[in-house]
């Protein structure tokens, strides 16, 4: 059985999902790929895993780097999971480029190179937003592109973490815009 729970964040409503033991999803309302990995059969319930996730999110939105991570169980391909593991290694308040992640994956697989676009696809399908920090990934040129929760949210999350954004910019085209006005 899958379970869901609502969390009201300063950046909009969030749906949390769990298998009862670990967090399996975290999506902003209306984001791209919203609840993509959540099965049809699920029920609203307040479980201990959701209490842990709320504590983590409360700390995070109070501008503190949480010192724990609730159990996570994202559903995806082996490639996606490898990318998401790298996302988990990006420190609070720092960023990494799609190209840097691609280079790490290539090195892990013993390849000469890996497509940054393939990495972008995996980053964009991350089912546990914020906790698996896909918002910390930027384009090589500093573009704040590719956040399924909306580019404005990505910028706000990075500012909340006090990330260095002086060389970053919001592209005029080709990115996911915030789908719900705040």
N, C-alpha and C. Protein backbone atom coordinates (compact mmCIF):
# COMPACT_ATOMS: atom_id res chain seq x y z
N UNK A 1 0.83 -1.17 0.00
CA UNK A 1 0.00 0.00 0.00
C UNK A 1 0.88 1.24 0.00
N UNK A 2 0.45 2.24 -0.72
CA UNK A 2 1.14 3.53 -0.74
C UNK A 2 0.31 4.54 0.04
N UNK A 3 1.03 5.49 0.65
CA UNK A 3 0.39 6.50 1.50
C UNK A 3 0.84 7.89 1.06
N UNK A 4 -0.02 8.86 1.29
CA UNK A 4 0.33 10.25 0.98
C UNK A 4 0.03 11.13 2.19
N UNK A 5 0.65 12.28 2.17
CA UNK A 5 0.46 13.27 3.23
C UNK A 5 0.74 14.65 2.63
N UNK A 6 0.04 15.66 3.10
CA UNK A 6 0.21 17.04 2.61
C UNK A 6 1.14 17.82 3.54
N UNK A 7 1.92 18.68 2.92
CA UNK A 7 2.79 19.60 3.65
C UNK A 7 2.66 20.97 3.00
N UNK A 8 2.41 21.98 3.80
CA UNK A 8 2.31 23.35 3.28
C UNK A 8 3.65 24.04 3.48
N UNK A 9 4.33 24.29 2.38
CA UNK A 9 5.64 24.95 2.43
C UNK A 9 5.49 26.42 2.07
N UNK A 10 6.50 27.23 2.36
CA UNK A 10 6.46 28.64 1.96
C UNK A 10 6.43 28.82 0.44
N UNK A 11 6.74 27.75 -0.32
CA UNK A 11 6.75 27.83 -1.78
C UNK A 11 5.56 27.11 -2.40
N UNK A 12 4.60 26.74 -1.59
CA UNK A 12 3.40 26.08 -2.10
C UNK A 12 3.20 24.70 -1.49
N UNK A 13 2.04 24.13 -1.79
CA UNK A 13 1.70 22.82 -1.26
C UNK A 13 2.60 21.73 -1.81
N UNK A 14 2.85 20.74 -0.96
CA UNK A 14 3.69 19.60 -1.31
C UNK A 14 2.94 18.33 -0.97
N UNK A 15 3.02 17.35 -1.85
CA UNK A 15 2.50 16.01 -1.57
C UNK A 15 3.68 15.11 -1.28
N UNK A 16 3.62 14.42 -0.14
CA UNK A 16 4.62 13.44 0.23
C UNK A 16 4.03 12.06 -0.01
N UNK A 17 4.84 11.09 -0.43
CA UNK A 17 4.38 9.73 -0.63
C UNK A 17 5.34 8.77 0.06
N UNK A 18 4.79 7.63 0.49
CA UNK A 18 5.59 6.63 1.18
C UNK A 18 5.02 5.24 0.94
N UNK A 19 5.90 4.25 1.07
CA UNK A 19 5.47 2.85 1.05
C UNK A 19 5.17 2.37 2.47
N UNK A 20 5.23 3.26 3.44
CA UNK A 20 5.00 2.94 4.84
C UNK A 20 6.29 2.93 5.64
N UNK A 21 7.42 2.77 4.97
CA UNK A 21 8.72 2.72 5.63
C UNK A 21 9.65 3.85 5.20
N UNK A 22 9.62 4.18 3.92
CA UNK A 22 10.53 5.19 3.36
C UNK A 22 9.75 6.18 2.52
N UNK A 23 10.34 7.34 2.32
CA UNK A 23 9.74 8.35 1.44
C UNK A 23 9.97 7.91 0.00
N UNK A 24 8.89 7.89 -0.79
CA UNK A 24 8.99 7.48 -2.19
C UNK A 24 8.69 8.63 -3.14
N UNK A 25 8.16 9.72 -2.62
CA UNK A 25 7.85 10.86 -3.47
C UNK A 25 7.71 12.14 -2.68
N UNK A 26 8.03 13.26 -3.33
CA UNK A 26 7.82 14.60 -2.79
C UNK A 26 7.69 15.52 -3.99
N UNK A 27 6.48 16.06 -4.17
CA UNK A 27 6.21 16.90 -5.34
C UNK A 27 5.51 18.19 -4.93
N UNK A 28 5.92 19.30 -5.52
CA UNK A 28 5.16 20.54 -5.40
C UNK A 28 3.86 20.36 -6.18
N UNK A 29 2.78 20.95 -5.68
CA UNK A 29 1.51 20.90 -6.39
C UNK A 29 1.70 21.43 -7.81
N UNK A 30 1.23 20.68 -8.78
CA UNK A 30 1.24 21.12 -10.17
C UNK A 30 2.57 21.02 -10.89
N UNK A 31 3.60 20.49 -10.26
CA UNK A 31 4.90 20.43 -10.94
C UNK A 31 4.87 19.39 -12.06
N UNK A 32 5.81 19.53 -12.97
CA UNK A 32 5.98 18.56 -14.04
C UNK A 32 6.27 17.20 -13.42
N UNK A 33 5.71 16.15 -13.97
CA UNK A 33 5.83 14.78 -13.47
C UNK A 33 5.21 14.62 -12.08
N UNK A 34 4.22 15.47 -11.76
CA UNK A 34 3.55 15.44 -10.45
C UNK A 34 3.03 14.04 -10.17
N UNK A 35 3.45 13.45 -9.10
CA UNK A 35 3.02 12.14 -8.63
C UNK A 35 3.21 11.04 -9.68
N UNK A 36 4.20 11.18 -10.54
CA UNK A 36 4.41 10.22 -11.64
C UNK A 36 4.67 8.81 -11.15
N UNK A 37 5.30 8.64 -9.99
CA UNK A 37 5.61 7.30 -9.50
C UNK A 37 4.60 6.80 -8.47
N UNK A 38 3.58 7.58 -8.21
CA UNK A 38 2.57 7.19 -7.23
C UNK A 38 1.49 6.35 -7.90
N UNK A 39 1.22 5.19 -7.35
CA UNK A 39 0.19 4.31 -7.89
C UNK A 39 -1.20 4.87 -7.68
N UNK A 40 -2.15 4.30 -8.39
CA UNK A 40 -3.55 4.74 -8.27
C UNK A 40 -4.11 4.48 -6.87
N UNK A 41 -3.71 3.36 -6.31
CA UNK A 41 -4.21 2.97 -4.99
C UNK A 41 -3.29 3.54 -3.91
N UNK A 42 -3.75 4.56 -3.23
CA UNK A 42 -3.01 5.11 -2.10
C UNK A 42 -4.01 5.78 -1.16
N UNK A 43 -3.59 5.94 0.06
CA UNK A 43 -4.47 6.59 1.03
C UNK A 43 -3.72 7.65 1.81
N UNK A 44 -4.45 8.69 2.17
CA UNK A 44 -3.90 9.77 3.00
C UNK A 44 -3.75 9.22 4.41
N UNK A 45 -2.56 9.38 4.99
CA UNK A 45 -2.30 8.87 6.32
C UNK A 45 -1.12 9.62 6.90
N UNK A 46 -1.07 9.73 8.22
CA UNK A 46 0.06 10.38 8.87
C UNK A 46 0.91 9.31 9.53
N UNK A 47 2.01 8.98 8.90
CA UNK A 47 2.90 7.92 9.35
C UNK A 47 4.18 8.50 9.96
N UNK A 48 4.93 7.71 10.72
CA UNK A 48 6.20 8.20 11.28
C UNK A 48 7.16 8.73 10.20
N UNK A 49 7.18 8.13 9.03
CA UNK A 49 8.07 8.62 7.97
C UNK A 49 7.67 10.03 7.55
N UNK A 50 6.38 10.33 7.58
CA UNK A 50 5.94 11.68 7.23
C UNK A 50 6.32 12.68 8.33
N UNK A 51 6.31 12.23 9.58
CA UNK A 51 6.76 13.08 10.68
C UNK A 51 8.24 13.42 10.49
N UNK A 52 9.05 12.44 10.11
CA UNK A 52 10.48 12.69 9.85
C UNK A 52 10.65 13.67 8.69
N UNK A 53 9.88 13.46 7.63
CA UNK A 53 9.98 14.35 6.46
C UNK A 53 9.54 15.77 6.82
N UNK A 54 8.49 15.91 7.62
CA UNK A 54 8.04 17.25 8.05
C UNK A 54 9.12 17.93 8.88
N UNK A 55 9.75 17.19 9.80
CA UNK A 55 10.82 17.77 10.61
C UNK A 55 11.96 18.24 9.71
N UNK A 56 12.33 17.42 8.72
CA UNK A 56 13.39 17.78 7.79
C UNK A 56 13.00 19.04 7.02
N UNK A 57 11.79 19.08 6.48
CA UNK A 57 11.32 20.24 5.70
C UNK A 57 11.20 21.49 6.57
N UNK A 58 10.72 21.34 7.80
CA UNK A 58 10.63 22.49 8.71
C UNK A 58 12.01 23.11 8.94
N UNK A 59 13.00 22.26 9.22
CA UNK A 59 14.37 22.75 9.39
C UNK A 59 14.85 23.45 8.13
N UNK A 60 14.65 22.79 7.00
CA UNK A 60 15.11 23.31 5.72
C UNK A 60 14.50 24.68 5.42
N UNK A 61 13.18 24.79 5.54
CA UNK A 61 12.53 26.06 5.23
C UNK A 61 12.78 27.13 6.28
N UNK A 62 13.33 26.75 7.45
CA UNK A 62 13.79 27.72 8.44
C UNK A 62 15.25 28.10 8.19
N UNK A 63 15.77 27.75 6.99
CA UNK A 63 17.12 28.08 6.53
C UNK A 63 18.21 27.38 7.34
N UNK A 64 17.93 26.15 7.73
CA UNK A 64 18.93 25.33 8.41
C UNK A 64 19.21 24.10 7.56
N UNK A 65 20.45 23.68 7.52
CA UNK A 65 20.81 22.44 6.82
C UNK A 65 20.46 21.28 7.74
N UNK A 66 19.45 20.47 7.38
CA UNK A 66 19.10 19.34 8.24
C UNK A 66 20.29 18.39 8.41
N UNK A 67 20.45 17.85 9.62
CA UNK A 67 21.58 16.97 9.91
C UNK A 67 21.18 15.49 9.85
N UNK A 68 20.05 15.20 9.22
CA UNK A 68 19.59 13.84 9.04
C UNK A 68 18.80 13.78 7.74
N UNK A 69 18.62 12.60 7.22
CA UNK A 69 17.79 12.40 6.04
C UNK A 69 16.84 11.25 6.34
N UNK A 70 15.55 11.47 6.17
CA UNK A 70 14.61 10.35 6.36
C UNK A 70 14.94 9.24 5.36
N UNK A 71 14.54 8.01 5.65
CA UNK A 71 14.75 6.94 4.68
C UNK A 71 14.10 7.29 3.33
N UNK A 72 14.86 7.11 2.25
CA UNK A 72 14.39 7.43 0.90
C UNK A 72 14.39 6.16 0.05
N UNK A 73 13.37 6.04 -0.80
CA UNK A 73 13.29 4.88 -1.70
C UNK A 73 12.70 5.34 -3.03
N UNK A 74 13.50 6.08 -3.81
CA UNK A 74 12.99 6.54 -5.10
C UNK A 74 12.89 5.40 -6.11
N UNK A 75 11.87 5.43 -6.91
CA UNK A 75 11.66 4.42 -7.94
C UNK A 75 12.18 4.96 -9.27
N UNK A 76 13.08 4.20 -9.91
CA UNK A 76 13.62 4.62 -11.19
C UNK A 76 14.56 3.57 -11.76
N UNK A 77 15.13 3.89 -12.89
CA UNK A 77 16.09 2.99 -13.54
C UNK A 77 17.42 3.03 -12.79
N UNK A 78 18.30 2.09 -13.10
CA UNK A 78 19.64 2.07 -12.49
C UNK A 78 20.38 3.37 -12.81
N UNK A 79 20.25 3.86 -14.05
CA UNK A 79 20.90 5.12 -14.43
C UNK A 79 20.35 6.27 -13.61
N UNK A 80 19.03 6.38 -13.52
CA UNK A 80 18.43 7.46 -12.74
C UNK A 80 18.91 7.40 -11.29
N UNK A 81 18.91 6.22 -10.71
CA UNK A 81 19.34 6.08 -9.31
C UNK A 81 20.80 6.48 -9.13
N UNK A 82 21.64 6.19 -10.12
CA UNK A 82 23.05 6.60 -10.04
C UNK A 82 23.16 8.13 -10.05
N UNK A 83 22.36 8.77 -10.89
CA UNK A 83 22.34 10.24 -10.93
C UNK A 83 21.84 10.79 -9.60
N UNK A 84 20.76 10.22 -9.08
CA UNK A 84 20.18 10.72 -7.82
C UNK A 84 21.15 10.54 -6.65
N UNK A 85 21.97 9.47 -6.67
CA UNK A 85 23.00 9.30 -5.64
C UNK A 85 24.00 10.45 -5.67
N UNK A 86 24.35 10.88 -6.87
CA UNK A 86 25.27 12.02 -6.99
C UNK A 86 24.59 13.29 -6.48
N UNK A 87 23.31 13.46 -6.78
CA UNK A 87 22.59 14.64 -6.27
C UNK A 87 22.66 14.69 -4.75
N UNK A 88 22.53 13.54 -4.11
CA UNK A 88 22.58 13.48 -2.65
C UNK A 88 23.94 13.90 -2.10
N UNK A 89 24.98 13.87 -2.94
CA UNK A 89 26.33 14.25 -2.48
C UNK A 89 26.59 15.75 -2.62
N UNK A 90 25.69 16.49 -3.26
CA UNK A 90 25.90 17.93 -3.43
C UNK A 90 25.60 18.62 -2.10
N UNK A 91 26.57 19.27 -1.51
CA UNK A 91 26.35 19.89 -0.20
C UNK A 91 25.32 21.03 -0.24
N UNK A 92 24.66 21.21 0.88
CA UNK A 92 23.72 22.31 1.10
C UNK A 92 24.40 23.62 0.71
N UNK A 93 23.72 24.44 -0.07
CA UNK A 93 24.26 25.75 -0.44
C UNK A 93 25.23 25.73 -1.59
N UNK A 94 25.47 24.57 -2.21
CA UNK A 94 26.39 24.48 -3.34
C UNK A 94 25.64 23.96 -4.56
N UNK A 95 26.26 24.11 -5.71
CA UNK A 95 25.67 23.63 -6.96
C UNK A 95 26.67 22.77 -7.71
N UNK A 96 26.15 22.02 -8.66
CA UNK A 96 26.95 21.19 -9.55
C UNK A 96 26.31 21.31 -10.92
N UNK A 97 27.09 21.17 -11.98
CA UNK A 97 26.52 21.26 -13.32
C UNK A 97 26.12 19.87 -13.83
N UNK A 98 25.23 19.89 -14.83
CA UNK A 98 24.84 18.65 -15.48
C UNK A 98 26.07 17.96 -16.06
N UNK A 99 26.99 18.75 -16.62
CA UNK A 99 28.21 18.21 -17.18
C UNK A 99 29.10 17.54 -16.14
N UNK A 100 29.19 18.12 -14.96
CA UNK A 100 29.99 17.51 -13.89
C UNK A 100 29.39 16.17 -13.47
N UNK A 101 28.07 16.13 -13.39
CA UNK A 101 27.41 14.86 -13.04
C UNK A 101 27.65 13.84 -14.14
N UNK A 102 27.53 14.26 -15.39
CA UNK A 102 27.78 13.36 -16.53
C UNK A 102 29.20 12.80 -16.47
N UNK A 103 30.17 13.64 -16.13
CA UNK A 103 31.56 13.19 -16.03
C UNK A 103 31.73 12.15 -14.92
N UNK A 104 31.04 12.34 -13.80
CA UNK A 104 31.11 11.37 -12.70
C UNK A 104 30.50 10.03 -13.11
N UNK A 105 29.35 10.10 -13.78
CA UNK A 105 28.69 8.86 -14.22
C UNK A 105 29.60 8.14 -15.23
N UNK A 106 30.17 8.89 -16.16
CA UNK A 106 31.08 8.29 -17.15
C UNK A 106 32.24 7.60 -16.46
N UNK A 107 32.82 8.26 -15.47
CA UNK A 107 33.94 7.67 -14.74
C UNK A 107 33.51 6.39 -14.01
N UNK A 108 32.32 6.41 -13.40
CA UNK A 108 31.81 5.22 -12.70
C UNK A 108 31.64 4.05 -13.66
N UNK A 109 31.21 4.34 -14.88
CA UNK A 109 30.94 3.30 -15.86
C UNK A 109 32.14 2.98 -16.75
N UNK A 110 33.24 3.70 -16.57
CA UNK A 110 34.42 3.48 -17.37
C UNK A 110 34.26 3.94 -18.81
N UNK A 111 33.44 4.97 -19.01
CA UNK A 111 33.19 5.51 -20.35
C UNK A 111 34.01 6.78 -20.57
N UNK A 112 34.27 7.08 -21.82
CA UNK A 112 35.00 8.31 -22.15
C UNK A 112 34.15 9.54 -21.83
N UNK A 113 32.85 9.44 -22.07
CA UNK A 113 31.96 10.57 -21.78
C UNK A 113 30.53 10.07 -21.62
N UNK A 114 29.70 10.94 -21.09
CA UNK A 114 28.29 10.66 -20.88
C UNK A 114 27.53 11.91 -21.28
N UNK A 115 26.36 11.74 -21.79
CA UNK A 115 25.53 12.86 -22.23
C UNK A 115 24.98 13.65 -21.04
N UNK A 116 25.25 14.95 -21.04
CA UNK A 116 24.66 15.82 -20.02
C UNK A 116 23.14 15.88 -20.18
N UNK A 117 22.65 15.71 -21.41
CA UNK A 117 21.20 15.68 -21.63
C UNK A 117 20.57 14.47 -20.97
N UNK A 118 21.23 13.32 -21.05
CA UNK A 118 20.71 12.12 -20.38
C UNK A 118 20.65 12.35 -18.88
N UNK A 119 21.68 12.99 -18.35
CA UNK A 119 21.70 13.34 -16.92
C UNK A 119 20.55 14.28 -16.61
N UNK A 120 20.33 15.27 -17.48
CA UNK A 120 19.22 16.21 -17.27
C UNK A 120 17.88 15.51 -17.22
N UNK A 121 17.70 14.49 -18.05
CA UNK A 121 16.46 13.72 -18.03
C UNK A 121 16.27 13.01 -16.70
N UNK A 122 17.34 12.43 -16.18
CA UNK A 122 17.27 11.74 -14.88
C UNK A 122 17.02 12.73 -13.75
N UNK A 123 17.71 13.86 -13.80
CA UNK A 123 17.51 14.89 -12.78
C UNK A 123 16.05 15.36 -12.79
N UNK A 124 15.51 15.59 -13.98
CA UNK A 124 14.15 16.08 -14.11
C UNK A 124 13.08 15.10 -13.66
N UNK A 125 13.42 13.81 -13.61
CA UNK A 125 12.45 12.80 -13.18
C UNK A 125 12.67 12.35 -11.74
N UNK A 126 13.45 13.11 -11.00
CA UNK A 126 13.68 12.83 -9.58
C UNK A 126 12.33 12.87 -8.86
N UNK A 127 11.90 11.77 -8.24
CA UNK A 127 10.59 11.75 -7.60
C UNK A 127 10.57 12.32 -6.18
N UNK A 128 11.73 12.61 -5.61
CA UNK A 128 11.78 13.11 -4.22
C UNK A 128 12.49 14.46 -4.21
N UNK A 129 11.79 15.45 -4.72
CA UNK A 129 12.33 16.79 -4.84
C UNK A 129 12.78 17.32 -3.47
N UNK A 130 13.69 18.23 -3.47
CA UNK A 130 14.28 18.92 -2.32
C UNK A 130 15.18 17.99 -1.51
N UNK A 131 14.66 16.87 -0.98
CA UNK A 131 15.51 15.97 -0.21
C UNK A 131 16.59 15.35 -1.08
N UNK A 132 16.23 14.96 -2.30
CA UNK A 132 17.23 14.61 -3.31
C UNK A 132 17.36 15.90 -4.11
N UNK A 133 18.39 16.69 -3.83
CA UNK A 133 18.42 18.11 -4.24
C UNK A 133 18.69 18.39 -5.72
N UNK A 134 17.72 18.09 -6.55
CA UNK A 134 17.85 18.37 -7.98
C UNK A 134 17.89 19.87 -8.26
N UNK A 135 17.42 20.68 -7.33
CA UNK A 135 17.47 22.14 -7.52
C UNK A 135 18.90 22.67 -7.48
N UNK A 136 19.84 21.87 -7.01
CA UNK A 136 21.24 22.30 -6.92
C UNK A 136 22.03 22.07 -8.22
N UNK A 137 21.34 21.62 -9.26
CA UNK A 137 22.01 21.36 -10.53
C UNK A 137 21.73 22.51 -11.48
N UNK A 138 22.81 23.04 -12.05
CA UNK A 138 22.71 24.19 -12.96
C UNK A 138 23.41 23.86 -14.28
N UNK A 139 23.11 24.65 -15.30
CA UNK A 139 23.78 24.50 -16.58
C UNK A 139 25.23 24.95 -16.48
N UNK A 140 26.07 24.45 -17.36
CA UNK A 140 27.49 24.80 -17.37
C UNK A 140 27.70 26.31 -17.49
N UNK A 141 26.79 26.98 -18.19
CA UNK A 141 26.89 28.43 -18.37
C UNK A 141 26.25 29.21 -17.22
N UNK A 142 25.78 28.54 -16.19
CA UNK A 142 25.15 29.21 -15.05
C UNK A 142 23.64 29.30 -15.15
N UNK A 143 23.08 28.71 -16.16
CA UNK A 143 21.63 28.75 -16.36
C UNK A 143 20.90 27.95 -15.28
N UNK A 144 19.92 28.58 -14.67
CA UNK A 144 19.07 27.89 -13.70
C UNK A 144 17.94 27.22 -14.47
N UNK A 145 18.27 26.19 -15.16
CA UNK A 145 17.32 25.55 -16.05
C UNK A 145 16.90 24.19 -15.51
N UNK A 146 15.78 23.72 -15.98
CA UNK A 146 15.41 22.32 -15.80
C UNK A 146 14.86 21.89 -14.46
N UNK A 147 14.16 22.71 -13.75
CA UNK A 147 13.59 22.27 -12.47
C UNK A 147 12.10 22.00 -12.65
N UNK A 148 11.68 20.75 -12.41
CA UNK A 148 10.29 20.36 -12.63
C UNK A 148 9.32 21.15 -11.75
N UNK A 149 9.77 21.66 -10.63
CA UNK A 149 8.93 22.44 -9.74
C UNK A 149 8.81 23.89 -10.14
N UNK A 150 9.51 24.28 -11.19
CA UNK A 150 9.47 25.66 -11.67
C UNK A 150 10.76 26.39 -11.37
N UNK A 151 11.20 27.16 -12.32
CA UNK A 151 12.49 27.83 -12.22
C UNK A 151 12.51 28.85 -11.07
N UNK A 152 11.38 29.51 -10.82
CA UNK A 152 11.33 30.47 -9.73
C UNK A 152 11.52 29.77 -8.39
N UNK A 153 10.94 28.59 -8.25
CA UNK A 153 11.14 27.82 -7.01
C UNK A 153 12.60 27.40 -6.87
N UNK A 154 13.19 26.98 -7.98
CA UNK A 154 14.60 26.58 -7.95
C UNK A 154 15.46 27.73 -7.42
N UNK A 155 15.23 28.91 -7.97
CA UNK A 155 15.98 30.08 -7.52
C UNK A 155 15.74 30.36 -6.04
N UNK A 156 14.49 30.26 -5.60
CA UNK A 156 14.18 30.53 -4.19
C UNK A 156 14.82 29.49 -3.27
N UNK A 157 14.83 28.22 -3.69
CA UNK A 157 15.47 27.18 -2.88
C UNK A 157 16.97 27.44 -2.77
N UNK A 158 17.61 27.83 -3.86
CA UNK A 158 19.04 28.12 -3.82
C UNK A 158 19.34 29.36 -2.98
N UNK A 159 18.48 30.36 -3.07
CA UNK A 159 18.66 31.57 -2.23
C UNK A 159 18.46 31.24 -0.76
N UNK A 160 17.48 30.38 -0.45
CA UNK A 160 17.24 29.95 0.92
C UNK A 160 18.50 29.30 1.49
N UNK A 161 19.22 28.54 0.64
CA UNK A 161 20.45 27.88 1.05
C UNK A 161 21.67 28.81 1.01
N UNK A 162 21.43 30.05 0.57
CA UNK A 162 22.51 31.05 0.44
C UNK A 162 23.60 30.57 -0.53
N UNK A 163 23.17 29.90 -1.60
CA UNK A 163 24.09 29.44 -2.64
C UNK A 163 24.63 30.65 -3.40
N UNK A 164 25.84 30.53 -3.91
CA UNK A 164 26.45 31.58 -4.73
C UNK A 164 25.77 31.59 -6.10
N UNK A 165 25.02 32.66 -6.38
CA UNK A 165 24.26 32.75 -7.63
C UNK A 165 24.69 33.92 -8.51
N UNK A 166 25.82 34.56 -8.19
CA UNK A 166 26.21 35.76 -8.94
C UNK A 166 26.47 35.46 -10.43
N UNK A 167 26.84 34.23 -10.76
CA UNK A 167 27.09 33.88 -12.16
C UNK A 167 25.92 33.09 -12.77
N UNK A 168 24.83 33.00 -12.05
CA UNK A 168 23.66 32.25 -12.53
C UNK A 168 22.61 33.19 -13.10
N UNK A 169 21.77 32.64 -13.96
CA UNK A 169 20.69 33.43 -14.55
C UNK A 169 19.52 32.53 -14.91
N UNK A 170 18.36 33.15 -15.02
CA UNK A 170 17.16 32.44 -15.45
C UNK A 170 17.05 32.61 -16.96
N UNK A 171 17.07 31.51 -17.70
CA UNK A 171 16.99 31.62 -19.15
C UNK A 171 15.63 32.14 -19.59
N UNK A 172 15.61 32.82 -20.71
CA UNK A 172 14.36 33.38 -21.23
C UNK A 172 13.46 32.31 -21.85
N UNK A 173 14.06 31.22 -22.36
CA UNK A 173 13.29 30.16 -23.01
C UNK A 173 13.83 28.79 -22.62
N UNK A 174 13.04 27.76 -22.92
CA UNK A 174 13.50 26.39 -22.82
C UNK A 174 13.62 25.85 -21.41
N UNK A 175 12.78 26.33 -20.51
CA UNK A 175 12.83 25.83 -19.15
C UNK A 175 11.41 25.68 -18.60
N UNK A 176 11.29 25.02 -17.48
CA UNK A 176 9.99 24.83 -16.85
C UNK A 176 9.71 26.03 -15.96
N UNK A 177 8.65 26.73 -16.25
CA UNK A 177 8.24 27.88 -15.44
C UNK A 177 7.36 27.40 -14.30
N UNK A 178 7.29 28.21 -13.28
CA UNK A 178 6.43 27.92 -12.14
C UNK A 178 5.01 27.80 -12.66
N UNK A 179 4.36 26.71 -12.39
CA UNK A 179 3.06 26.42 -12.96
C UNK A 179 1.91 27.04 -12.19
N UNK A 180 2.15 27.44 -10.95
CA UNK A 180 1.08 27.99 -10.14
C UNK A 180 1.58 29.31 -9.52
N UNK A 181 0.85 30.37 -9.75
CA UNK A 181 1.25 31.67 -9.20
C UNK A 181 1.27 31.62 -7.68
N UNK A 182 2.26 32.27 -7.10
CA UNK A 182 2.35 32.30 -5.63
C UNK A 182 2.00 33.67 -5.12
